[in-house]
Amino acid sequence: GSTYSSKVFRVTFLTLAASLTVPLLGVTVLLDCPIDPQPISLKEPPLLTGVLEPNIKLRKAERLWENQLVGPESIVNIGDVLFTGTADGKIIKIEDGEIQTIARIGHGPCGTREDEPTCGRPLGIRVGPNNTLFVADAYYGLYEVNPGTGETKMLVSTKTLIEGQKLSFVNDLTVTQDGRKIYFTDSSSKWQRRDYLFLIMEGTDDGRLLEYDTVTKEVKVLMVGLRFPNGVQLSPAEDFVLVQETTMARIRRYYVSGLMKGGADMFVENMPGLPDNIRLSSSGGYWVAMSAVRPNPGFSLLDFLSEKPWIKRMIFKLLSQETVTKFVPKYSLVVELSETGSYRRSFHDPNGVTVAYVSEAHEHNGYLYLGSFQSPFICRLNLQHV
């Protein structure tokens, strides 16, 4: 009798499984997919050995102003006063430990995905020569903000088409010492910041590097065809700009002066994670923050999916971006590059225990201030102690 009942069970189970799978497949075929993913060729990720050997150095960072600010993406200082832009659309000043909102580019309400385009999202922030702040707002464009009065002045509006293409995701900026030129990234003309996961997963290549001249007020396109251009940084000699290409896990270099002017090449290829912002380090190199890694040895979801558009389609037909984000392991990584792009050192937080969703490493006075696009605090790492 037991073999008969196990047979019945097996048949029943298979029938049930088939009856569920077939409609599910049918529904999946019929469902719209919000993205049209392209296959992307990534090299096998670099081995996490030597300088890149995993450690827990980022866990030595202390959390500051916990639950008093949300998603401080990028950080600058004027003297010992810190400034950052947050996920609720504010530009914030932190002086003697006190937090004060000095400006807003958008308007409330803020807090949901739907609100983000009107709320605004200040991302990259820089200090100009007269101690004014230059801010890249993902939805509104490039702004100059007076940190004393909080007065905001629009420099480049996302409503203006640049060479026939709209700015949908203004991301980061870097400013010459004389304040004349601002180099900035627009991550996509199709996807907005709130859909950054769609942008990565689709592999859209409509990102650009642009230049704004504060005197002539002209905007020029310097590079096109970039896959999620993100953080940008002028070299100390101001002869080239580095552009992080997040989807491709690499850094491109565009020459803005000298014999190579107008030319571009690869600065760092095949990085161990997805680079977000890049900033100067006191040693003449660069700090690169990565909020997602490509573990090797290990399993990298991003690399696994890169050449399988059909799986990506299936995933995004069935799951929201928020749900998919939960499957991305929390792993924060900050690397210091030399002036030639070799790895000098790396600081890790393997499960994002202390530092999660790291977006930028800003060096000031022997400390690294760590920005995050999601966490409700800024982390500070004493470089003498790592």
Protein backbone atom coordinates (compact mmCIF):
# COMPACT_ATOMS: atom_id res chain seq x y z
CA GLY A 1 0.00 0.00 0.00
CA SER A 2 2.84 2.39 0.79
CA THR A 3 4.30 2.20 -2.72
CA TYR A 4 0.82 2.83 -4.15
CA SER A 5 0.28 5.88 -1.93
CA SER A 6 3.76 7.25 -2.68
CA LYS A 7 3.00 6.81 -6.41
CA VAL A 8 -0.31 8.63 -5.96
CA PHE A 9 1.46 11.33 -4.00
CA ARG A 10 4.12 11.69 -6.70
CA VAL A 11 1.58 11.90 -9.51
CA THR A 12 -0.55 14.34 -7.53
CA PHE A 13 2.49 16.45 -6.68
CA LEU A 14 3.75 16.54 -10.29
CA THR A 15 0.27 17.34 -11.60
CA LEU A 16 -0.06 20.13 -9.07
CA ALA A 17 3.42 21.47 -9.86
CA ALA A 18 2.70 21.40 -13.60
CA SER A 19 -0.71 23.03 -13.15
CA LEU A 20 0.97 25.90 -11.24
CA THR A 21 4.08 26.23 -13.43
CA VAL A 22 2.32 26.41 -16.79
CA PRO A 23 0.05 29.37 -15.91
CA LEU A 24 2.93 31.05 -14.09
CA LEU A 25 5.10 30.78 -17.21
CA GLY A 26 2.18 31.99 -19.29
CA VAL A 27 1.61 34.95 -17.02
CA THR A 28 5.34 35.71 -17.01
CA VAL A 29 5.38 35.77 -20.80
CA LEU A 30 2.38 38.11 -20.88
CA LEU A 31 3.61 40.44 -18.14
CA ASP A 32 5.31 43.63 -19.18
CA CYS A 33 8.94 44.02 -18.27
CA PRO A 34 9.93 47.58 -17.32
CA ILE A 35 13.44 47.09 -18.73
CA ASP A 36 14.90 45.90 -22.01
CA PRO A 37 18.18 44.38 -20.78
CA GLN A 38 21.19 44.06 -23.07
CA PRO A 39 23.86 41.40 -22.57
CA ILE A 40 27.00 42.95 -21.06
CA SER A 41 30.46 41.42 -21.13
CA LEU A 42 32.28 41.75 -17.83
CA LYS A 43 35.64 40.12 -17.23
CA GLU A 44 35.95 37.68 -14.34
CA PRO A 45 36.18 39.85 -11.21
CA PRO A 46 39.67 40.39 -9.77
CA LEU A 47 40.68 38.06 -6.95
CA LEU A 48 40.26 39.61 -3.52
CA THR A 49 43.88 38.97 -2.53
CA GLY A 50 46.91 41.07 -1.66
CA VAL A 51 45.91 44.70 -1.17
CA LEU A 52 42.27 43.76 -1.83
CA GLU A 53 42.23 40.95 0.78
CA PRO A 54 38.95 41.17 2.75
CA ASN A 55 39.24 42.74 6.21
CA ILE A 56 36.94 44.45 8.70
CA LYS A 57 38.70 47.82 8.82
CA LEU A 58 35.56 49.80 8.00
CA ARG A 59 33.99 48.44 11.19
CA LYS A 60 36.37 50.68 13.12
CA ALA A 61 34.41 53.67 11.84
CA GLU A 62 32.14 55.50 14.27
CA ARG A 63 28.59 56.43 13.37
CA LEU A 64 27.85 60.13 13.79
CA TRP A 65 24.48 61.91 13.98
CA GLU A 66 22.66 58.59 13.84
CA ASN A 67 18.99 58.91 12.82
CA GLN A 68 19.39 62.68 12.43
CA LEU A 69 19.94 62.64 8.66
CA VAL A 70 18.95 60.27 5.89
CA GLY A 71 21.17 59.18 3.01
CA PRO A 72 24.05 61.71 3.21
CA GLU A 73 25.38 60.83 -0.27
CA SER A 74 28.30 63.25 -0.64
CA ILE A 75 30.24 65.27 1.94
CA VAL A 76 32.40 68.41 1.79
CA ASN A 77 33.98 70.64 4.38
CA ILE A 78 34.71 74.37 4.67
CA GLY A 79 37.16 74.48 7.55
CA ASP A 80 35.67 72.11 10.12
CA VAL A 81 32.09 72.72 9.01
CA LEU A 82 30.62 69.79 7.05
CA PHE A 83 27.99 69.98 4.33
CA THR A 84 25.96 67.18 2.76
CA GLY A 85 22.80 66.57 0.73
CA THR A 86 20.19 64.13 2.01
CA ALA A 87 17.42 61.89 0.67
CA ASP A 88 14.72 64.28 1.91
CA GLY A 89 15.95 66.94 -0.53
CA LYS A 90 17.88 69.03 1.98
CA ILE A 91 21.32 70.58 1.90
CA ILE A 92 22.62 70.36 5.43
CA LYS A 93 25.33 72.09 7.43
CA ILE A 94 26.95 70.39 10.44
CA GLU A 95 28.82 72.81 12.69
CA ASP A 96 30.08 71.94 16.19
CA GLY A 97 27.98 68.78 15.99
CA GLU A 98 24.78 70.75 15.32
CA ILE A 99 22.73 69.93 12.21
CA GLN A 100 21.03 72.73 10.33
CA THR A 101 19.14 72.74 7.01
CA ILE A 102 20.50 75.59 4.90
CA ALA A 103 18.69 75.04 1.58
CA ARG A 104 16.26 72.97 -0.46
CA ILE A 105 16.13 72.81 -4.23
CA GLY A 106 12.84 70.89 -4.49
CA HIS A 107 9.82 70.92 -2.21
CA GLY A 108 7.92 68.45 0.00
CA PRO A 109 6.37 66.08 0.53
CA CYS A 110 9.37 63.73 0.62
CA GLY A 111 9.82 60.13 1.60
CA THR A 112 8.33 57.93 -1.11
CA ARG A 113 9.61 56.88 -4.52
CA GLU A 114 6.79 58.92 -6.11
CA ASP A 115 7.83 62.08 -4.21
CA GLU A 116 11.47 61.96 -5.23
CA PRO A 117 11.28 63.96 -8.51
CA THR A 118 9.57 66.94 -6.83
CA CYS A 119 11.35 66.58 -3.49
CA GLY A 120 14.72 66.63 -5.28
CA ARG A 121 17.78 64.58 -4.43
CA PRO A 122 21.08 66.43 -3.90
CA LEU A 123 23.86 64.01 -4.82
CA GLY A 124 27.37 65.32 -5.60
CA ILE A 125 28.43 68.40 -3.61
CA ARG A 126 31.63 70.48 -3.97
CA VAL A 127 33.16 73.65 -2.61
CA GLY A 128 33.95 76.40 -5.13
CA PRO A 129 36.76 78.97 -4.85
CA ASN A 130 34.66 81.58 -3.02
CA ASN A 131 33.43 78.98 -0.52
CA THR A 132 30.15 78.60 -2.33
CA LEU A 133 28.70 75.12 -2.70
CA PHE A 134 28.09 73.53 -6.07
CA VAL A 135 25.39 70.85 -5.91
CA ALA A 136 24.22 68.26 -8.43
CA ASP A 137 20.54 67.51 -7.82
CA ALA A 138 19.47 64.31 -9.58
CA TYR A 139 16.12 65.80 -10.66
CA TYR A 140 16.66 69.55 -10.87
CA GLY A 141 20.19 70.01 -12.23
CA LEU A 142 23.30 71.96 -11.22
CA TYR A 143 23.03 74.62 -8.53
CA GLU A 144 25.19 77.07 -6.67
CA VAL A 145 24.29 77.44 -2.99
CA ASN A 146 25.48 80.17 -0.65
CA PRO A 147 26.27 78.31 2.60
CA GLY A 148 25.84 81.49 4.66
CA THR A 149 22.46 82.67 3.37
CA GLY A 150 21.14 79.42 1.87
CA GLU A 151 20.38 81.25 -1.36
CA THR A 152 20.24 78.88 -4.35
CA LYS A 153 21.03 79.75 -7.95
CA MET A 154 20.29 77.44 -10.87
CA LEU A 155 23.20 76.91 -13.26
CA VAL A 156 21.95 74.07 -15.49
CA SER A 157 18.31 72.99 -15.46
CA THR A 158 17.23 69.44 -16.28
CA LYS A 159 14.40 71.05 -18.29
CA THR A 160 16.97 72.16 -20.88
CA LEU A 161 17.80 69.66 -23.60
CA ILE A 162 21.56 69.31 -24.03
CA GLU A 163 22.46 68.43 -27.63
CA GLY A 164 18.91 67.14 -28.12
CA GLN A 165 18.94 64.85 -25.11
CA LYS A 166 17.38 65.41 -21.72
CA LEU A 167 19.19 65.25 -18.40
CA SER A 168 17.31 62.64 -16.35
CA PHE A 169 19.81 61.75 -13.65
CA VAL A 170 22.36 64.46 -12.84
CA ASN A 171 24.76 62.71 -10.50
CA ASP A 172 28.16 64.10 -9.53
CA LEU A 173 30.38 67.06 -10.29
CA THR A 174 33.96 68.27 -9.96
CA VAL A 175 35.10 71.90 -10.14
CA THR A 176 38.34 73.53 -11.31
CA GLN A 177 40.27 75.45 -8.65
CA ASP A 178 39.42 78.78 -10.31
CA GLY A 179 35.73 77.80 -10.38
CA ARG A 180 35.50 78.39 -14.11
CA LYS A 181 34.62 74.88 -15.26
CA ILE A 182 32.32 72.30 -13.73
CA TYR A 183 32.48 68.75 -15.06
CA PHE A 184 29.40 66.70 -14.28
CA THR A 185 27.74 63.39 -15.07
CA ASP A 186 24.23 62.64 -16.25
CA SER A 187 23.82 58.93 -15.55
CA SER A 188 21.04 58.40 -18.11
CA SER A 189 18.61 60.31 -20.30
CA LYS A 190 16.08 57.49 -19.84
CA TRP A 191 16.18 56.45 -16.17
CA GLN A 192 15.89 58.64 -13.10
CA ARG A 193 17.75 58.20 -9.81
CA ARG A 194 14.84 56.34 -8.23
CA ASP A 195 15.23 53.70 -10.97
CA TYR A 196 19.00 53.27 -10.64
CA LEU A 197 18.59 49.48 -10.36
CA PHE A 198 16.76 49.42 -13.71
CA LEU A 199 19.64 51.44 -15.15
CA ILE A 200 22.24 48.94 -13.90
CA MET A 201 20.24 45.86 -14.84
CA GLU A 202 19.25 47.11 -18.28
CA GLY A 203 22.82 48.11 -19.06
CA THR A 204 21.59 51.34 -20.66
CA ASP A 205 24.48 53.18 -22.35
CA ASP A 206 23.06 56.70 -22.64
CA GLY A 207 25.08 58.34 -19.86
CA ARG A 208 27.22 61.40 -20.53
CA LEU A 209 30.07 63.48 -19.16
CA LEU A 210 29.40 67.21 -19.56
CA GLU A 211 31.19 70.49 -18.98
CA TYR A 212 29.59 73.70 -17.76
CA ASP A 213 31.44 77.00 -18.18
CA THR A 214 30.43 79.36 -15.37
CA VAL A 215 31.51 82.40 -17.43
CA THR A 216 29.96 81.70 -20.85
CA LYS A 217 27.13 79.61 -19.28
CA GLU A 218 27.58 77.03 -22.05
CA VAL A 219 27.16 73.29 -21.59
CA LYS A 220 29.25 70.93 -23.73
CA VAL A 221 29.01 67.16 -24.03
CA LEU A 222 32.44 65.57 -23.61
CA MET A 223 31.67 61.83 -23.56
CA VAL A 224 28.62 59.80 -24.63
CA GLY A 225 27.68 56.12 -24.58
CA LEU A 226 28.58 55.62 -20.92
CA ARG A 227 26.87 52.93 -18.83
CA PHE A 228 25.83 54.66 -15.61
CA PRO A 229 28.55 57.32 -15.31
CA ASN A 230 28.60 58.21 -11.63
CA GLY A 231 31.33 59.89 -9.54
CA VAL A 232 33.74 62.34 -11.21
CA GLN A 233 37.06 63.78 -10.07
CA LEU A 234 39.55 66.19 -11.63
CA SER A 235 43.19 65.16 -11.30
CA PRO A 236 45.34 67.31 -8.95
CA ALA A 237 47.00 68.90 -12.03
CA GLU A 238 43.56 69.44 -13.63
CA ASP A 239 44.68 67.80 -16.86
CA PHE A 240 42.09 65.00 -16.84
CA VAL A 241 38.76 64.02 -15.30
CA LEU A 242 38.09 60.53 -13.98
CA VAL A 243 34.59 59.15 -14.51
CA GLN A 244 33.33 56.06 -12.69
CA GLU A 245 31.26 53.85 -14.95
CA THR A 246 29.21 51.95 -12.36
CA THR A 247 27.58 49.24 -14.52
CA MET A 248 30.94 48.31 -16.06
CA ALA A 249 32.90 48.38 -12.76
CA ARG A 250 35.56 50.64 -14.25
CA ILE A 251 36.95 54.18 -14.36
CA ARG A 252 37.41 56.11 -17.60
CA ARG A 253 39.76 59.06 -18.03
CA TYR A 254 38.96 62.09 -20.18
CA TYR A 255 41.73 64.62 -20.90
CA VAL A 256 40.69 68.27 -20.49
CA SER A 257 44.05 69.91 -21.18
CA GLY A 258 47.50 69.20 -22.58
CA LEU A 259 48.50 67.22 -25.66
CA MET A 260 45.83 64.57 -25.08
CA LYS A 261 43.01 67.13 -24.72
CA GLY A 262 39.68 65.72 -25.96
CA GLY A 263 40.99 62.15 -25.83
CA ALA A 264 39.89 59.41 -23.47
CA ASP A 265 41.28 56.14 -22.19
CA MET A 266 40.77 53.54 -19.47
CA PHE A 267 42.09 54.39 -16.00
CA VAL A 268 41.06 51.28 -14.04
CA GLU A 269 39.29 48.27 -15.52
CA ASN A 270 37.40 45.40 -13.95
CA MET A 271 37.13 46.67 -10.37
CA PRO A 272 36.16 44.45 -7.40
CA GLY A 273 32.87 46.29 -6.94
CA LEU A 274 30.53 48.87 -8.45
CA PRO A 275 32.16 52.29 -8.04
CA ASP A 276 30.02 55.19 -6.81
CA ASN A 277 31.87 58.43 -5.93
CA ILE A 278 35.57 59.20 -6.30
CA ARG A 279 37.50 61.87 -4.35
CA LEU A 280 41.12 62.95 -3.92
CA SER A 281 43.24 61.36 -1.23
CA SER A 282 45.93 63.29 0.66
CA SER A 283 48.61 61.07 -0.87
CA GLY A 284 47.87 62.33 -4.39
CA GLY A 285 45.69 59.35 -5.27
CA TYR A 286 41.96 58.73 -5.13
CA TRP A 287 39.38 57.27 -2.74
CA VAL A 288 36.74 55.12 -4.44
CA ALA A 289 33.59 54.00 -2.59
CA MET A 290 31.72 50.86 -3.62
CA SER A 291 28.36 49.87 -2.19
CA ALA A 292 28.28 46.49 -3.92
CA VAL A 293 31.12 44.04 -4.50
CA ARG A 294 31.82 41.36 -7.05
CA PRO A 295 33.20 38.66 -4.74
CA ASN A 296 35.91 36.41 -6.16
CA PRO A 297 36.19 33.77 -4.83
CA GLY A 298 32.43 33.76 -4.32
CA PHE A 299 29.23 34.35 -6.25
CA SER A 300 28.60 37.68 -7.92
CA LEU A 301 24.92 38.07 -8.80
CA LEU A 302 25.69 41.01 -11.08
CA ASP A 303 28.25 39.04 -13.09
CA PHE A 304 26.00 35.99 -13.23
CA LEU A 305 23.13 38.05 -14.68
CA SER A 306 25.22 40.24 -16.99
CA GLU A 307 25.00 37.95 -20.02
CA LYS A 308 21.51 36.54 -19.24
CA PRO A 309 18.97 39.22 -20.21
CA TRP A 310 16.13 36.67 -20.15
CA ILE A 311 16.65 36.00 -16.42
CA LYS A 312 16.70 39.75 -15.75
CA ARG A 313 13.43 40.10 -17.66
CA MET A 314 11.86 37.32 -15.61
CA ILE A 315 13.04 38.88 -12.33
CA PHE A 316 11.72 42.34 -13.11
CA LYS A 317 8.41 41.04 -14.44
CA LEU A 318 7.76 39.47 -11.06
CA LEU A 319 9.61 41.60 -8.50
CA SER A 320 9.90 45.28 -7.64
CA GLN A 321 13.23 47.10 -7.47
CA GLU A 322 12.89 47.27 -3.67
CA THR A 323 12.52 43.48 -3.47
CA VAL A 324 15.45 42.82 -5.82
CA THR A 325 17.65 45.19 -3.77
CA LYS A 326 17.14 42.91 -0.76
CA PHE A 327 18.96 40.11 -2.61
CA VAL A 328 22.08 42.22 -3.14
CA PRO A 329 24.50 41.38 -0.31
CA LYS A 330 25.33 44.35 1.93
CA TYR A 331 29.08 44.72 1.53
CA SER A 332 30.86 48.05 1.78
CA LEU A 333 34.27 48.57 0.24
CA VAL A 334 36.51 51.63 0.01
CA VAL A 335 39.75 51.47 -1.96
CA GLU A 336 42.55 53.96 -2.29
CA LEU A 337 44.09 54.19 -5.75
CA SER A 338 47.49 55.63 -6.56
CA GLU A 339 47.78 58.50 -9.05
CA THR A 340 48.29 55.88 -11.79
CA GLY A 341 45.28 53.77 -10.79
CA SER A 342 46.91 50.88 -8.90
CA TYR A 343 45.35 49.70 -5.63
CA ARG A 344 47.10 51.08 -2.55
CA ARG A 345 44.85 49.77 0.22
CA SER A 346 41.31 48.61 0.84
CA PHE A 347 38.89 48.89 3.75
CA HIS A 348 36.02 46.40 3.95
CA ASP A 349 32.82 45.86 5.94
CA PRO A 350 31.73 42.43 4.65
CA ASN A 351 28.10 42.46 5.82
CA GLY A 352 27.63 46.20 6.04
CA VAL A 353 27.59 45.83 9.84
CA THR A 354 28.82 49.36 10.62
CA VAL A 355 29.00 51.00 7.20
CA ALA A 356 26.24 50.12 4.74
CA TYR A 357 25.50 51.43 1.24
CA VAL A 358 28.70 53.49 1.20
CA SER A 359 28.62 56.11 -1.58
CA GLU A 360 31.65 58.31 -0.92
CA ALA A 361 34.86 58.60 1.08
CA HIS A 362 35.79 62.24 1.80
CA GLU A 363 39.16 62.80 3.48
CA HIS A 364 39.54 65.66 5.96
CA ASN A 365 42.08 66.14 8.73
CA GLY A 366 43.24 62.52 9.01
CA TYR A 367 39.70 61.13 8.89
CA LEU A 368 37.62 59.54 6.17
CA TYR A 369 34.01 60.74 6.27
CA LEU A 370 31.86 58.07 4.67
CA GLY A 371 28.69 59.08 2.88
CA SER A 372 25.83 56.71 2.17
CA PHE A 373 22.87 56.95 -0.19
CA GLN A 374 20.62 55.17 2.31
CA SER A 375 21.98 55.04 5.87
CA PRO A 376 20.69 57.48 8.53
CA PHE A 377 24.19 58.61 9.61
CA ILE A 378 27.68 59.63 8.48
CA CYS A 379 30.57 57.35 9.44
CA ARG A 380 34.01 58.62 10.38
CA LEU A 381 37.13 56.49 10.13
CA ASN A 382 40.38 57.53 11.79
CA LEU A 383 43.06 56.82 9.16
CA GLN A 384 45.73 56.61 11.88
CA HIS A 385 43.95 53.59 13.34
CA VAL A 386 43.52 51.37 10.29
